[in-house]
Protein backbone atom coordinates (compact mmCIF):
# COMPACT_ATOMS: atom_id res chain seq x y z
CA VAL A 1 35.09 21.96 23.28
CA ILE A 2 34.76 18.32 25.91
CA ILE A 3 31.29 19.53 26.00
CA SER A 4 30.36 20.23 22.53
CA VAL A 5 31.89 16.25 21.23
CA ALA A 6 29.76 15.08 24.16
CA VAL A 7 26.58 16.30 23.67
CA CYS A 8 27.22 15.71 19.64
CA THR A 9 28.17 12.48 20.67
CA CYS A 10 24.42 11.95 22.30
CA HIS A 11 22.78 13.97 19.40
CA SER A 12 24.18 11.30 16.97
CA SER A 13 23.52 8.08 19.11
CA CYS A 14 19.55 9.18 19.68
CA ARG A 15 19.43 9.98 16.34
CA LEU A 16 20.44 6.33 15.56
CA GLN A 17 17.87 5.79 18.01
CA GLU A 18 15.36 6.93 16.37
CA VAL A 19 16.08 6.11 12.76
CA ALA A 20 16.21 2.41 13.82
CA ARG A 21 12.97 2.83 15.64
CA LEU A 22 11.48 4.46 12.68
CA SER A 23 12.71 1.79 11.20
CA SER A 24 11.48 -1.01 12.61
CA ARG A 25 8.02 0.56 12.43
CA ASN A 26 8.22 0.96 8.28
CA THR A 27 8.68 -2.42 8.61
CA GLU A 28 5.57 -3.48 10.86
CA LEU A 29 3.44 -0.55 9.16
CA SER A 30 4.54 -2.51 5.23
CA GLN A 31 3.46 -6.26 7.06
CA GLN A 32 0.29 -5.10 8.30
CA LEU A 33 -0.54 -3.26 4.67
CA VAL A 34 0.39 -6.70 2.88
CA GLN A 35 -2.17 -8.46 5.19
CA GLN A 36 -4.86 -6.54 4.77
CA GLY A 37 -4.34 -6.30 1.21
CA LYS A 38 -3.90 -10.53 1.32
CA ARG A 39 -7.34 -10.35 3.36
CA LEU A 40 -9.38 -8.24 1.02
CA MET A 41 -8.29 -10.41 -1.97
CA GLU A 42 -9.49 -13.75 0.07
CA SER A 43 -12.55 -12.09 1.32
CA PRO A 44 -16.13 -13.58 0.99
CA GLU A 45 -16.91 -9.82 -0.18
CA ALA A 46 -15.12 -9.54 -3.07
CA ALA A 47 -16.54 -12.76 -4.44
CA GLN A 48 -19.96 -11.35 -3.19
CA ASN A 49 -19.19 -8.12 -5.77
CA VAL A 50 -18.83 -9.99 -9.03
CA GLU A 51 -22.16 -11.76 -8.41
CA SER A 52 -23.79 -8.57 -6.90
CA LEU A 53 -22.72 -6.95 -10.91
CA GLU A 54 -23.95 -9.86 -12.60
CA ALA A 55 -27.07 -9.43 -10.88
CA GLU A 56 -26.83 -5.75 -11.17
CA MET A 57 -26.05 -6.53 -15.09
CA ASN A 58 -28.84 -8.44 -15.86
CA GLU A 59 -31.64 -6.03 -14.42
CA GLN A 60 -30.44 -2.65 -16.90
CA SER A 61 -30.77 -1.69 -20.15
CA LYS A 62 -28.13 -0.88 -22.47
CA ASP A 63 -27.44 2.04 -22.10
CA GLU A 64 -27.55 1.60 -17.96
CA ILE A 65 -24.80 -1.13 -18.70
CA MET A 66 -23.13 1.64 -20.66
CA LYS A 67 -23.00 3.91 -18.09
CA LEU A 68 -22.32 1.32 -15.09
CA LEU A 69 -18.98 0.51 -17.18
CA ARG A 70 -17.73 4.13 -17.69
CA GLU A 71 -17.99 4.42 -13.95
CA GLU A 72 -16.21 1.20 -13.54
CA ARG A 73 -13.32 2.57 -16.14
CA ASN A 74 -13.22 5.90 -13.97
CA ALA A 75 -12.59 4.09 -11.11
CA LYS A 76 -10.29 2.24 -12.48
CA GLY A 77 -8.33 4.87 -13.58
CA ARG A 78 -8.50 6.35 -10.21
CA LEU A 79 -7.54 3.59 -8.86
CA LYS A 80 -4.20 2.66 -11.21
CA GLU A 81 -2.88 6.52 -10.81
CA TYR A 82 -3.35 6.11 -6.95
CA VAL A 83 -1.40 2.72 -6.90
CA ASP A 84 1.25 4.18 -9.92
CA ASN A 85 1.77 7.17 -6.97
CA LEU A 86 2.04 5.25 -4.01
CA LEU A 87 4.31 3.03 -5.97
CA VAL A 88 6.52 6.26 -6.63
CA VAL A 89 6.22 7.25 -3.27
CA VAL A 90 7.49 3.51 -1.95
CA MET A 91 10.18 3.54 -4.35
CA GLU A 92 11.59 7.36 -3.54
CA GLN A 93 11.14 6.78 -0.12
CA SER A 94 11.49 2.44 1.04
CA PRO A 95 13.06 1.04 -2.10
CA HIS A 96 14.20 -2.08 0.13
CA LEU A 97 10.68 -3.25 0.49
CA LEU A 98 10.01 -3.77 -2.91
CA GLU A 99 13.81 -5.99 -3.50
CA MET A 100 12.74 -10.02 -4.06
CA ARG A 101 13.97 -11.45 -1.30
CA THR A 102 15.17 -15.57 -1.93
CA PRO A 103 14.06 -17.67 0.37
CA LYS A 104 16.95 -19.22 2.69
CA LYS A 105 17.82 -22.89 2.15
């Protein structure tokens, strides 16, 4: 009986350590994801894409532009679906990531 209690205590301790390690890793990855998103939004490539689209539209016929707009709408729909699914996963697995934190004064 004493041996099984010691094993159970050790097993619980190992599980707690693993949970703490995974929680810490989850926080690190979340921070990396936010930083990567910020870099993507602030990158010169984002502005260049707008200019590229404008130049492309100036050279295209109305039918070609309509085709491009449909493609963009489809891509936007797929991206929205991906973000929606990602948000569902975050809400189910790590809802604390979505909590608003008030700055400490």
